[in-house]
Amino acid sequence: MENQSGLEPLGHAVLVRMTEASAHQGLIEITLDVQRNMATMETQAVVIDVGTEAWADEAGPRALPGDIVLITKLAGYMAKGPLDGKIYRLINDRDVFCRVTGEANV
């Protein structure tokens, strides 16, 4: 996955793009209350780029560009990509706590 945002994470920073959860799962519509509860449990994002020092003190990276991850709900700083105009979040590498491996499509 190529970073086309115009934002380059530095140091321990990780650039992610938040994913949108669907309010419809097949024929079942998820109520607003359930959606709010789900929003407090997890925040899912796609890794766009990682800083050169991200996870430098670990055996290997927790996630690579293109990976879907769960992050701390209020982590980081939101920024608009100057090249593509999309909204991203710059987070600390420690705010990535799970890589999602069981989904076919997001």
N, C-alpha and C. Protein backbone atom coordinates (compact mmCIF):
# COMPACT_ATOMS: atom_id res chain seq x y z
N MET A 1 0.85 -1.17 0.00
CA MET A 1 0.00 0.00 0.00
C MET A 1 0.89 1.24 0.00
N GLU A 2 0.65 2.11 -0.93
CA GLU A 2 1.46 3.31 -1.06
C GLU A 2 0.80 4.47 -0.32
N ASN A 3 1.60 5.23 0.39
CA ASN A 3 1.11 6.39 1.13
C ASN A 3 0.94 7.56 0.16
N GLN A 4 -0.29 7.91 -0.15
CA GLN A 4 -0.58 9.02 -1.06
C GLN A 4 -1.17 10.22 -0.34
N SER A 5 -1.02 10.25 0.99
CA SER A 5 -1.65 11.29 1.80
C SER A 5 -0.88 12.61 1.79
N GLY A 6 0.42 12.54 1.65
CA GLY A 6 1.25 13.73 1.81
C GLY A 6 1.69 13.92 3.25
N LEU A 7 1.40 12.92 4.10
CA LEU A 7 1.81 12.94 5.51
C LEU A 7 2.83 11.82 5.71
N GLU A 8 3.95 12.13 6.33
CA GLU A 8 4.98 11.13 6.59
C GLU A 8 5.18 11.00 8.09
N PRO A 9 4.83 9.84 8.66
CA PRO A 9 5.02 9.67 10.10
C PRO A 9 6.51 9.64 10.45
N LEU A 10 6.87 10.27 11.56
CA LEU A 10 8.25 10.32 12.00
C LEU A 10 8.41 9.58 13.31
N GLY A 11 9.61 9.09 13.57
CA GLY A 11 9.90 8.43 14.85
C GLY A 11 9.00 7.24 15.10
N HIS A 12 8.32 7.25 16.24
CA HIS A 12 7.45 6.15 16.65
C HIS A 12 6.02 6.29 16.13
N ALA A 13 5.75 7.26 15.27
CA ALA A 13 4.40 7.52 14.78
C ALA A 13 3.97 6.49 13.74
N VAL A 14 2.66 6.23 13.73
CA VAL A 14 2.04 5.33 12.75
C VAL A 14 0.87 6.10 12.13
N LEU A 15 0.82 6.16 10.81
CA LEU A 15 -0.27 6.84 10.10
C LEU A 15 -1.34 5.81 9.77
N VAL A 16 -2.57 6.06 10.22
CA VAL A 16 -3.67 5.14 9.97
C VAL A 16 -4.86 5.91 9.39
N ARG A 17 -5.72 5.17 8.69
CA ARG A 17 -6.99 5.72 8.21
C ARG A 17 -8.09 4.91 8.88
N MET A 18 -9.00 5.58 9.54
CA MET A 18 -10.07 4.90 10.25
C MET A 18 -11.01 4.23 9.24
N THR A 19 -11.55 3.08 9.63
CA THR A 19 -12.50 2.38 8.77
C THR A 19 -13.91 2.66 9.27
N GLU A 20 -14.87 2.59 8.37
CA GLU A 20 -16.27 2.82 8.70
C GLU A 20 -16.94 1.48 8.95
N ALA A 21 -17.63 1.36 10.07
CA ALA A 21 -18.40 0.16 10.35
C ALA A 21 -19.76 0.29 9.68
N SER A 22 -20.24 -0.80 9.13
CA SER A 22 -21.54 -0.80 8.47
C SER A 22 -22.66 -0.96 9.48
N ALA A 23 -23.76 -0.24 9.27
CA ALA A 23 -24.92 -0.35 10.15
C ALA A 23 -25.81 -1.52 9.74
N HIS A 24 -25.49 -2.16 8.64
CA HIS A 24 -26.26 -3.31 8.17
C HIS A 24 -25.34 -4.51 8.04
N GLN A 25 -25.71 -5.61 8.63
CA GLN A 25 -24.95 -6.85 8.52
C GLN A 25 -25.89 -7.87 7.89
N GLY A 26 -25.84 -8.00 6.57
CA GLY A 26 -26.77 -8.89 5.88
C GLY A 26 -28.16 -8.30 5.94
N LEU A 27 -29.12 -9.07 6.43
CA LEU A 27 -30.50 -8.61 6.53
C LEU A 27 -30.81 -7.97 7.88
N ILE A 28 -29.85 -7.95 8.77
CA ILE A 28 -30.05 -7.42 10.12
C ILE A 28 -29.52 -6.01 10.19
N GLU A 29 -30.35 -5.08 10.68
CA GLU A 29 -29.90 -3.71 10.89
C GLU A 29 -29.47 -3.56 12.35
N ILE A 30 -28.29 -3.02 12.55
CA ILE A 30 -27.76 -2.83 13.91
C ILE A 30 -28.30 -1.51 14.45
N THR A 31 -28.94 -1.55 15.61
CA THR A 31 -29.53 -0.35 16.18
C THR A 31 -28.46 0.65 16.59
N LEU A 32 -28.88 1.90 16.76
CA LEU A 32 -27.96 2.97 17.13
C LEU A 32 -27.31 2.71 18.48
N ASP A 33 -28.08 2.18 19.46
CA ASP A 33 -27.51 1.87 20.77
C ASP A 33 -26.40 0.83 20.67
N VAL A 34 -26.61 -0.19 19.88
CA VAL A 34 -25.60 -1.23 19.70
C VAL A 34 -24.38 -0.64 18.98
N GLN A 35 -24.61 0.21 17.99
CA GLN A 35 -23.49 0.84 17.29
C GLN A 35 -22.66 1.68 18.26
N ARG A 36 -23.31 2.41 19.16
CA ARG A 36 -22.57 3.22 20.14
C ARG A 36 -21.74 2.34 21.07
N ASN A 37 -22.33 1.23 21.52
CA ASN A 37 -21.59 0.31 22.39
C ASN A 37 -20.41 -0.30 21.66
N MET A 38 -20.59 -0.66 20.39
CA MET A 38 -19.49 -1.22 19.60
C MET A 38 -18.38 -0.20 19.43
N ALA A 39 -18.76 1.07 19.26
CA ALA A 39 -17.77 2.13 19.06
C ALA A 39 -16.89 2.32 20.29
N THR A 40 -17.42 2.03 21.48
CA THR A 40 -16.61 2.19 22.68
C THR A 40 -15.68 1.00 22.90
N MET A 41 -15.97 -0.12 22.25
CA MET A 41 -15.17 -1.32 22.46
C MET A 41 -13.93 -1.36 21.58
N GLU A 42 -14.04 -0.92 20.35
CA GLU A 42 -12.89 -1.03 19.45
C GLU A 42 -12.90 0.09 18.43
N THR A 43 -11.74 0.43 17.97
CA THR A 43 -11.59 1.38 16.89
C THR A 43 -10.69 0.72 15.85
N GLN A 44 -11.24 0.52 14.68
CA GLN A 44 -10.53 -0.21 13.63
C GLN A 44 -9.95 0.78 12.61
N ALA A 45 -8.74 0.48 12.15
CA ALA A 45 -8.06 1.37 11.20
C ALA A 45 -7.19 0.54 10.26
N VAL A 46 -6.81 1.16 9.16
CA VAL A 46 -5.89 0.56 8.20
C VAL A 46 -4.57 1.31 8.32
N VAL A 47 -3.47 0.57 8.46
CA VAL A 47 -2.14 1.18 8.54
C VAL A 47 -1.76 1.68 7.15
N ILE A 48 -1.40 2.95 7.07
CA ILE A 48 -0.99 3.56 5.81
C ILE A 48 0.53 3.63 5.70
N ASP A 49 1.18 4.04 6.79
CA ASP A 49 2.64 4.19 6.79
C ASP A 49 3.12 4.15 8.24
N VAL A 50 4.39 3.82 8.44
CA VAL A 50 4.96 3.77 9.79
C VAL A 50 6.27 4.56 9.83
N GLY A 51 6.52 5.20 10.97
CA GLY A 51 7.77 5.93 11.16
C GLY A 51 8.95 4.98 11.27
N THR A 52 10.14 5.50 11.08
CA THR A 52 11.35 4.68 11.07
C THR A 52 11.67 4.03 12.41
N GLU A 53 11.18 4.61 13.50
CA GLU A 53 11.46 4.07 14.84
C GLU A 53 10.30 3.24 15.41
N ALA A 54 9.21 3.10 14.66
CA ALA A 54 8.05 2.35 15.16
C ALA A 54 8.45 0.91 15.46
N TRP A 55 8.19 0.47 16.65
CA TRP A 55 8.47 -0.87 17.14
C TRP A 55 9.94 -1.25 17.03
N ALA A 56 10.84 -0.27 17.08
CA ALA A 56 12.28 -0.54 16.97
C ALA A 56 12.80 -1.36 18.14
N ASP A 57 12.14 -1.28 19.29
CA ASP A 57 12.60 -2.01 20.47
C ASP A 57 11.93 -3.38 20.61
N GLU A 58 11.21 -3.81 19.59
CA GLU A 58 10.55 -5.11 19.60
C GLU A 58 11.20 -6.01 18.54
N ALA A 59 10.89 -7.29 18.62
CA ALA A 59 11.49 -8.27 17.69
C ALA A 59 11.10 -7.99 16.23
N GLY A 60 9.93 -7.45 16.03
CA GLY A 60 9.45 -7.14 14.68
C GLY A 60 8.28 -6.18 14.76
N PRO A 61 7.85 -5.66 13.62
CA PRO A 61 6.74 -4.71 13.64
C PRO A 61 5.42 -5.39 14.01
N ARG A 62 4.57 -4.66 14.74
CA ARG A 62 3.25 -5.17 15.08
C ARG A 62 2.34 -5.18 13.87
N ALA A 63 2.56 -4.23 12.96
CA ALA A 63 1.72 -4.11 11.77
C ALA A 63 2.50 -3.44 10.65
N LEU A 64 2.09 -3.73 9.44
CA LEU A 64 2.71 -3.16 8.24
C LEU A 64 1.65 -2.40 7.45
N PRO A 65 2.07 -1.52 6.53
CA PRO A 65 1.08 -0.83 5.70
C PRO A 65 0.15 -1.82 5.00
N GLY A 66 -1.15 -1.51 5.07
CA GLY A 66 -2.17 -2.37 4.50
C GLY A 66 -2.86 -3.24 5.53
N ASP A 67 -2.24 -3.43 6.71
CA ASP A 67 -2.84 -4.25 7.77
C ASP A 67 -4.01 -3.51 8.41
N ILE A 68 -5.02 -4.28 8.81
CA ILE A 68 -6.14 -3.75 9.57
C ILE A 68 -5.81 -3.98 11.04
N VAL A 69 -5.94 -2.93 11.84
CA VAL A 69 -5.56 -3.00 13.25
C VAL A 69 -6.66 -2.43 14.14
N LEU A 70 -6.60 -2.80 15.42
CA LEU A 70 -7.42 -2.17 16.44
C LEU A 70 -6.51 -1.24 17.22
N ILE A 71 -6.99 -0.04 17.47
CA ILE A 71 -6.17 0.95 18.16
C ILE A 71 -6.93 1.51 19.35
N THR A 72 -6.22 2.18 20.21
CA THR A 72 -6.81 2.86 21.35
C THR A 72 -7.78 3.91 20.83
N LYS A 73 -8.98 3.95 21.40
CA LYS A 73 -10.07 4.78 20.88
C LYS A 73 -9.71 6.25 20.71
N LEU A 74 -9.08 6.86 21.69
CA LEU A 74 -8.80 8.29 21.63
C LEU A 74 -7.36 8.60 21.27
N ALA A 75 -6.68 7.65 20.68
CA ALA A 75 -5.26 7.80 20.37
C ALA A 75 -5.01 8.82 19.27
N GLY A 76 -3.92 9.51 19.40
CA GLY A 76 -3.34 10.27 18.31
C GLY A 76 -3.93 11.62 17.98
N TYR A 77 -3.55 12.05 16.80
CA TYR A 77 -3.85 13.37 16.29
C TYR A 77 -4.46 13.22 14.90
N MET A 78 -5.60 13.82 14.69
CA MET A 78 -6.23 13.74 13.37
C MET A 78 -5.63 14.80 12.46
N ALA A 79 -5.40 14.41 11.20
CA ALA A 79 -4.82 15.33 10.24
C ALA A 79 -5.40 15.07 8.85
N LYS A 80 -5.53 16.13 8.09
CA LYS A 80 -6.03 16.03 6.72
C LYS A 80 -4.82 15.91 5.79
N GLY A 81 -4.84 14.89 4.93
CA GLY A 81 -3.75 14.71 3.98
C GLY A 81 -3.73 15.84 2.97
N PRO A 82 -2.62 16.56 2.85
CA PRO A 82 -2.56 17.69 1.93
C PRO A 82 -2.65 17.29 0.45
N LEU A 83 -2.29 16.05 0.14
CA LEU A 83 -2.34 15.62 -1.26
C LEU A 83 -3.68 15.03 -1.66
N ASP A 84 -4.31 14.26 -0.77
CA ASP A 84 -5.56 13.60 -1.15
C ASP A 84 -6.79 14.11 -0.42
N GLY A 85 -6.62 14.98 0.60
CA GLY A 85 -7.74 15.57 1.30
C GLY A 85 -8.48 14.64 2.24
N LYS A 86 -7.99 13.41 2.44
CA LYS A 86 -8.64 12.45 3.34
C LYS A 86 -8.19 12.70 4.78
N ILE A 87 -9.03 12.27 5.73
CA ILE A 87 -8.71 12.42 7.14
C ILE A 87 -7.97 11.18 7.64
N TYR A 88 -6.85 11.40 8.31
CA TYR A 88 -6.01 10.34 8.85
C TYR A 88 -5.82 10.59 10.34
N ARG A 89 -5.21 9.61 10.99
CA ARG A 89 -4.84 9.77 12.39
C ARG A 89 -3.39 9.35 12.54
N LEU A 90 -2.59 10.18 13.18
CA LEU A 90 -1.21 9.85 13.51
C LEU A 90 -1.21 9.40 14.96
N ILE A 91 -0.80 8.16 15.19
CA ILE A 91 -0.82 7.58 16.53
C ILE A 91 0.58 7.11 16.92
N ASN A 92 0.77 6.88 18.20
CA ASN A 92 2.01 6.30 18.70
C ASN A 92 2.01 4.80 18.40
N ASP A 93 3.15 4.22 18.15
CA ASP A 93 3.22 2.79 17.85
C ASP A 93 2.63 1.93 18.96
N ARG A 94 2.69 2.39 20.20
CA ARG A 94 2.15 1.64 21.35
C ARG A 94 0.62 1.59 21.36
N ASP A 95 -0.03 2.46 20.57
CA ASP A 95 -1.49 2.48 20.52
C ASP A 95 -2.08 1.42 19.60
N VAL A 96 -1.24 0.70 18.88
CA VAL A 96 -1.70 -0.44 18.07
C VAL A 96 -1.63 -1.66 18.96
N PHE A 97 -2.78 -2.23 19.30
CA PHE A 97 -2.77 -3.36 20.22
C PHE A 97 -3.28 -4.66 19.63
N CYS A 98 -3.71 -4.66 18.37
CA CYS A 98 -4.20 -5.90 17.76
C CYS A 98 -4.19 -5.77 16.24
N ARG A 99 -3.78 -6.82 15.56
CA ARG A 99 -3.88 -6.88 14.10
C ARG A 99 -5.04 -7.82 13.78
N VAL A 100 -5.95 -7.38 12.91
CA VAL A 100 -7.12 -8.17 12.53
C VAL A 100 -6.70 -9.09 11.39
N THR A 101 -6.84 -10.40 11.61
CA THR A 101 -6.41 -11.36 10.59
C THR A 101 -7.56 -12.21 10.07
N GLY A 102 -8.75 -12.10 10.66
CA GLY A 102 -9.83 -13.00 10.30
C GLY A 102 -10.91 -12.44 9.42
N GLU A 103 -10.68 -11.28 8.77
CA GLU A 103 -11.69 -10.68 7.91
C GLU A 103 -11.24 -10.73 6.47
N ALA A 104 -12.16 -11.13 5.59
CA ALA A 104 -11.83 -11.20 4.17
C ALA A 104 -11.84 -9.83 3.52
N ASN A 105 -12.88 -9.05 3.80
CA ASN A 105 -13.00 -7.71 3.20
C ASN A 105 -13.41 -6.71 4.26
N VAL A 106 -12.86 -5.50 4.15
CA VAL A 106 -13.25 -4.43 5.06
C VAL A 106 -13.76 -3.28 4.23
